[in-house]
Amino acid sequence: MPVLDAQLRCWNHESREAVCRCMACGRSYCRECVAEHRGRWLCAACLTGAVAAQAARRGILRRLATPAMIAAGLLLAWLAYWLMGESVIGLIRRIEQTPHA
């Protein structure tokens, strides 16, 4: 019966034994060819893609944060002025309803 070579080889280095698989592409790599990113082992190509995608998502949120804060500030200012106006109107109505002695 022939003996099967069960050792996997690195995708980049044929002479090295693979120690893990990239979670994104599924290829086997040696220790020098993989890096941990957010609890997953990824090869250099997949790691570059993951970091770029993460930076793109973060960029979108940063671009939306400034207009959202401006809108929230305007809404808060409008609410404060409206409440002050309502309280002044209510105070004037109470003063007008009280009889003069």
N, C-alpha and C. Protein backbone atom coordinates (compact mmCIF):
# COMPACT_ATOMS: atom_id res chain seq x y z
N MET A 1 0.84 -1.17 0.00
CA MET A 1 0.00 0.00 0.00
C MET A 1 0.89 1.24 0.00
N PRO A 2 0.66 2.22 -0.91
CA PRO A 2 1.51 3.41 -0.97
C PRO A 2 1.22 4.35 0.18
N VAL A 3 2.25 5.03 0.65
CA VAL A 3 2.11 6.01 1.72
C VAL A 3 1.77 7.36 1.09
N LEU A 4 0.72 7.98 1.57
CA LEU A 4 0.28 9.27 1.03
C LEU A 4 0.97 10.40 1.78
N ASP A 5 1.43 11.38 1.03
CA ASP A 5 2.05 12.56 1.64
C ASP A 5 0.93 13.51 2.06
N ALA A 6 0.64 13.54 3.36
CA ALA A 6 -0.49 14.32 3.87
C ALA A 6 -0.10 15.75 4.23
N GLN A 7 1.17 16.09 4.07
CA GLN A 7 1.59 17.44 4.43
C GLN A 7 1.23 18.42 3.31
N LEU A 8 0.65 19.52 3.70
CA LEU A 8 0.32 20.57 2.74
C LEU A 8 1.50 21.52 2.63
N ARG A 9 1.69 22.09 1.48
CA ARG A 9 2.78 23.02 1.22
C ARG A 9 2.22 24.44 1.10
N CYS A 10 3.08 25.40 1.42
CA CYS A 10 2.71 26.82 1.33
C CYS A 10 2.43 27.19 -0.12
N TRP A 11 1.42 28.00 -0.33
CA TRP A 11 1.05 28.45 -1.67
C TRP A 11 2.18 29.28 -2.29
N ASN A 12 2.88 30.08 -1.48
CA ASN A 12 3.95 30.95 -1.96
C ASN A 12 5.33 30.28 -1.95
N HIS A 13 5.54 29.37 -1.00
CA HIS A 13 6.86 28.74 -0.82
C HIS A 13 6.69 27.23 -0.90
N GLU A 14 7.04 26.65 -2.02
CA GLU A 14 6.87 25.20 -2.24
C GLU A 14 7.66 24.35 -1.24
N SER A 15 8.77 24.87 -0.75
CA SER A 15 9.63 24.07 0.13
C SER A 15 9.18 24.10 1.58
N ARG A 16 8.24 24.96 1.93
CA ARG A 16 7.82 25.08 3.33
C ARG A 16 6.49 24.39 3.56
N GLU A 17 6.36 23.88 4.77
CA GLU A 17 5.12 23.21 5.17
C GLU A 17 4.08 24.27 5.55
N ALA A 18 2.87 24.07 5.14
CA ALA A 18 1.78 24.99 5.46
C ALA A 18 1.31 24.75 6.89
N VAL A 19 1.03 25.82 7.60
CA VAL A 19 0.57 25.69 8.99
C VAL A 19 -0.90 26.06 9.14
N CYS A 20 -1.44 26.81 8.21
CA CYS A 20 -2.86 27.17 8.31
C CYS A 20 -3.40 27.56 6.94
N ARG A 21 -4.71 27.71 6.90
CA ARG A 21 -5.39 28.14 5.67
C ARG A 21 -5.90 29.56 5.87
N CYS A 22 -5.86 30.30 4.78
CA CYS A 22 -6.44 31.64 4.79
C CYS A 22 -7.96 31.48 4.88
N MET A 23 -8.58 32.21 5.78
CA MET A 23 -10.02 32.08 5.98
C MET A 23 -10.82 32.68 4.82
N ALA A 24 -10.20 33.55 4.02
CA ALA A 24 -10.92 34.19 2.92
C ALA A 24 -10.80 33.39 1.62
N CYS A 25 -9.58 33.03 1.23
CA CYS A 25 -9.40 32.35 -0.06
C CYS A 25 -9.27 30.83 0.06
N GLY A 26 -8.97 30.33 1.25
CA GLY A 26 -8.90 28.88 1.46
C GLY A 26 -7.58 28.24 1.09
N ARG A 27 -6.58 29.01 0.68
CA ARG A 27 -5.28 28.45 0.34
C ARG A 27 -4.45 28.22 1.59
N SER A 28 -3.52 27.28 1.51
CA SER A 28 -2.65 26.96 2.64
C SER A 28 -1.38 27.79 2.56
N TYR A 29 -0.91 28.25 3.74
CA TYR A 29 0.27 29.11 3.80
C TYR A 29 1.15 28.73 4.98
N CYS A 30 2.43 29.15 4.90
CA CYS A 30 3.35 28.95 6.02
C CYS A 30 3.17 30.10 7.01
N ARG A 31 3.94 30.09 8.09
CA ARG A 31 3.78 31.10 9.14
C ARG A 31 4.13 32.50 8.68
N GLU A 32 5.05 32.63 7.76
CA GLU A 32 5.47 33.95 7.30
C GLU A 32 4.47 34.59 6.35
N CYS A 33 3.59 33.81 5.78
CA CYS A 33 2.67 34.33 4.75
C CYS A 33 1.29 34.70 5.28
N VAL A 34 1.02 34.48 6.55
CA VAL A 34 -0.30 34.80 7.10
C VAL A 34 -0.17 35.79 8.24
N ALA A 35 -1.25 36.49 8.50
CA ALA A 35 -1.31 37.44 9.62
C ALA A 35 -2.71 37.37 10.21
N GLU A 36 -2.79 37.65 11.50
CA GLU A 36 -4.09 37.62 12.17
C GLU A 36 -4.75 38.99 12.04
N HIS A 37 -6.01 38.98 11.65
CA HIS A 37 -6.80 40.20 11.52
C HIS A 37 -8.20 39.93 12.05
N ARG A 38 -8.53 40.59 13.15
CA ARG A 38 -9.86 40.44 13.77
C ARG A 38 -10.20 38.99 14.07
N GLY A 39 -9.23 38.27 14.61
CA GLY A 39 -9.46 36.89 15.02
C GLY A 39 -9.43 35.87 13.89
N ARG A 40 -9.06 36.30 12.69
CA ARG A 40 -8.99 35.38 11.55
C ARG A 40 -7.59 35.43 10.95
N TRP A 41 -7.11 34.30 10.45
CA TRP A 41 -5.81 34.25 9.79
C TRP A 41 -6.03 34.48 8.30
N LEU A 42 -5.35 35.51 7.75
CA LEU A 42 -5.52 35.87 6.35
C LEU A 42 -4.15 35.97 5.67
N CYS A 43 -4.14 35.66 4.38
CA CYS A 43 -2.92 35.85 3.59
C CYS A 43 -2.76 37.34 3.28
N ALA A 44 -1.62 37.71 2.70
CA ALA A 44 -1.34 39.13 2.45
C ALA A 44 -2.35 39.76 1.50
N ALA A 45 -2.73 39.06 0.44
CA ALA A 45 -3.68 39.61 -0.52
C ALA A 45 -5.06 39.82 0.11
N CYS A 46 -5.52 38.83 0.84
CA CYS A 46 -6.84 38.96 1.48
C CYS A 46 -6.82 39.98 2.61
N LEU A 47 -5.68 40.08 3.31
CA LEU A 47 -5.55 41.07 4.37
C LEU A 47 -5.61 42.48 3.80
N THR A 48 -4.96 42.70 2.67
CA THR A 48 -5.01 44.01 2.01
C THR A 48 -6.43 44.37 1.63
N GLY A 49 -7.17 43.41 1.09
CA GLY A 49 -8.56 43.65 0.72
C GLY A 49 -9.44 43.93 1.92
N ALA A 50 -9.22 43.19 3.01
CA ALA A 50 -10.03 43.39 4.21
C ALA A 50 -9.77 44.75 4.84
N VAL A 51 -8.52 45.17 4.88
CA VAL A 51 -8.18 46.47 5.46
C VAL A 51 -8.73 47.59 4.59
N ALA A 52 -8.65 47.44 3.27
CA ALA A 52 -9.20 48.47 2.36
C ALA A 52 -10.71 48.58 2.51
N ALA A 53 -11.39 47.46 2.64
CA ALA A 53 -12.85 47.49 2.81
C ALA A 53 -13.23 48.13 4.13
N GLN A 54 -12.46 47.85 5.18
CA GLN A 54 -12.73 48.44 6.48
C GLN A 54 -12.50 49.95 6.44
N ALA A 55 -11.44 50.39 5.76
CA ALA A 55 -11.16 51.82 5.64
C ALA A 55 -12.25 52.52 4.82
N ALA A 56 -12.77 51.87 3.81
CA ALA A 56 -13.84 52.45 3.00
C ALA A 56 -15.11 52.63 3.83
N ARG A 57 -15.44 51.64 4.63
CA ARG A 57 -16.63 51.76 5.49
C ARG A 57 -16.45 52.89 6.50
N ARG A 58 -15.26 52.99 7.07
CA ARG A 58 -14.98 54.03 8.05
C ARG A 58 -15.04 55.40 7.38
N GLY A 59 -14.58 55.51 6.13
CA GLY A 59 -14.62 56.78 5.41
C GLY A 59 -16.04 57.26 5.16
N ILE A 60 -16.93 56.34 4.84
CA ILE A 60 -18.34 56.70 4.61
C ILE A 60 -18.96 57.24 5.90
N LEU A 61 -18.68 56.59 7.02
CA LEU A 61 -19.24 57.04 8.29
C LEU A 61 -18.70 58.41 8.68
N ARG A 62 -17.41 58.66 8.41
CA ARG A 62 -16.84 59.96 8.73
C ARG A 62 -17.44 61.06 7.87
N ARG A 63 -17.71 60.76 6.61
CA ARG A 63 -18.32 61.77 5.74
C ARG A 63 -19.75 62.08 6.16
N LEU A 64 -20.46 61.11 6.71
CA LEU A 64 -21.85 61.33 7.13
C LEU A 64 -21.94 61.92 8.52
N ALA A 65 -20.88 61.82 9.33
CA ALA A 65 -20.94 62.29 10.71
C ALA A 65 -21.08 63.81 10.79
N THR A 66 -20.35 64.55 10.00
CA THR A 66 -20.40 66.01 10.08
C THR A 66 -21.77 66.57 9.72
N PRO A 67 -22.38 66.18 8.60
CA PRO A 67 -23.73 66.69 8.31
C PRO A 67 -24.75 66.25 9.36
N ALA A 68 -24.59 65.06 9.90
CA ALA A 68 -25.53 64.59 10.92
C ALA A 68 -25.40 65.43 12.19
N MET A 69 -24.18 65.80 12.57
CA MET A 69 -24.00 66.64 13.76
C MET A 69 -24.55 68.04 13.54
N ILE A 70 -24.37 68.58 12.34
CA ILE A 70 -24.92 69.91 12.03
C ILE A 70 -26.44 69.88 12.10
N ALA A 71 -27.04 68.84 11.52
CA ALA A 71 -28.51 68.72 11.56
C ALA A 71 -29.00 68.56 12.99
N ALA A 72 -28.31 67.78 13.79
CA ALA A 72 -28.71 67.59 15.19
C ALA A 72 -28.58 68.90 15.96
N GLY A 73 -27.53 69.68 15.70
CA GLY A 73 -27.36 70.97 16.37
C GLY A 73 -28.45 71.95 16.01
N LEU A 74 -28.80 72.01 14.71
CA LEU A 74 -29.89 72.90 14.28
C LEU A 74 -31.22 72.48 14.90
N LEU A 75 -31.48 71.21 14.95
CA LEU A 75 -32.71 70.72 15.56
C LEU A 75 -32.76 71.06 17.05
N LEU A 76 -31.65 70.90 17.74
CA LEU A 76 -31.60 71.22 19.17
C LEU A 76 -31.79 72.72 19.39
N ALA A 77 -31.17 73.55 18.55
CA ALA A 77 -31.34 75.00 18.69
C ALA A 77 -32.79 75.39 18.43
N TRP A 78 -33.40 74.82 17.38
CA TRP A 78 -34.81 75.12 17.09
C TRP A 78 -35.69 74.72 18.27
N LEU A 79 -35.46 73.55 18.84
CA LEU A 79 -36.25 73.07 19.97
C LEU A 79 -36.10 74.00 21.18
N ALA A 80 -34.88 74.46 21.45
CA ALA A 80 -34.66 75.35 22.59
C ALA A 80 -35.39 76.68 22.38
N TYR A 81 -35.28 77.28 21.20
CA TYR A 81 -35.98 78.55 20.93
C TYR A 81 -37.49 78.37 20.95
N TRP A 82 -37.99 77.26 20.45
CA TRP A 82 -39.42 77.00 20.47
C TRP A 82 -39.93 76.89 21.90
N LEU A 83 -39.19 76.15 22.75
CA LEU A 83 -39.60 76.02 24.15
C LEU A 83 -39.56 77.35 24.88
N MET A 84 -38.53 78.17 24.61
CA MET A 84 -38.48 79.50 25.23
C MET A 84 -39.66 80.35 24.76
N GLY A 85 -39.99 80.32 23.49
CA GLY A 85 -41.13 81.08 22.97
C GLY A 85 -42.44 80.63 23.59
N GLU A 86 -42.63 79.32 23.70
CA GLU A 86 -43.86 78.81 24.31
C GLU A 86 -43.96 79.23 25.78
N SER A 87 -42.85 79.23 26.49
CA SER A 87 -42.91 79.62 27.90
C SER A 87 -43.20 81.12 28.04
N VAL A 88 -42.65 81.95 27.16
CA VAL A 88 -42.94 83.39 27.20
C VAL A 88 -44.40 83.64 26.86
N ILE A 89 -44.93 82.97 25.85
CA ILE A 89 -46.35 83.13 25.48
C ILE A 89 -47.25 82.67 26.63
N GLY A 90 -46.90 81.56 27.26
CA GLY A 90 -47.70 81.09 28.40
C GLY A 90 -47.65 82.07 29.56
N LEU A 91 -46.49 82.67 29.81
CA LEU A 91 -46.36 83.66 30.88
C LEU A 91 -47.20 84.90 30.58
N ILE A 92 -47.20 85.36 29.35
CA ILE A 92 -48.00 86.54 28.96
C ILE A 92 -49.49 86.23 29.12
N ARG A 93 -49.93 85.05 28.73
CA ARG A 93 -51.34 84.69 28.87
C ARG A 93 -51.76 84.67 30.34
N ARG A 94 -50.90 84.17 31.21
CA ARG A 94 -51.24 84.16 32.63
C ARG A 94 -51.31 85.56 33.19
N ILE A 95 -50.39 86.43 32.75
CA ILE A 95 -50.42 87.81 33.23
C ILE A 95 -51.68 88.53 32.78
N GLU A 96 -52.13 88.30 31.55
CA GLU A 96 -53.33 88.95 31.02
C GLU A 96 -54.61 88.43 31.69
N GLN A 97 -54.62 87.21 32.17
CA GLN A 97 -55.81 86.65 32.80
C GLN A 97 -55.96 87.04 34.26
N THR A 98 -54.92 87.47 34.90
CA THR A 98 -55.04 87.85 36.31
C THR A 98 -55.70 89.21 36.42
N PRO A 99 -56.68 89.37 37.30
CA PRO A 99 -57.35 90.68 37.46
C PRO A 99 -56.43 91.65 38.19
N HIS A 100 -56.52 92.93 37.79
CA HIS A 100 -55.72 93.97 38.44
C HIS A 100 -56.42 94.43 39.68
N ALA A 101 -55.73 94.51 40.75
CA ALA A 101 -56.35 94.91 42.03
C ALA A 101 -56.26 96.38 42.30
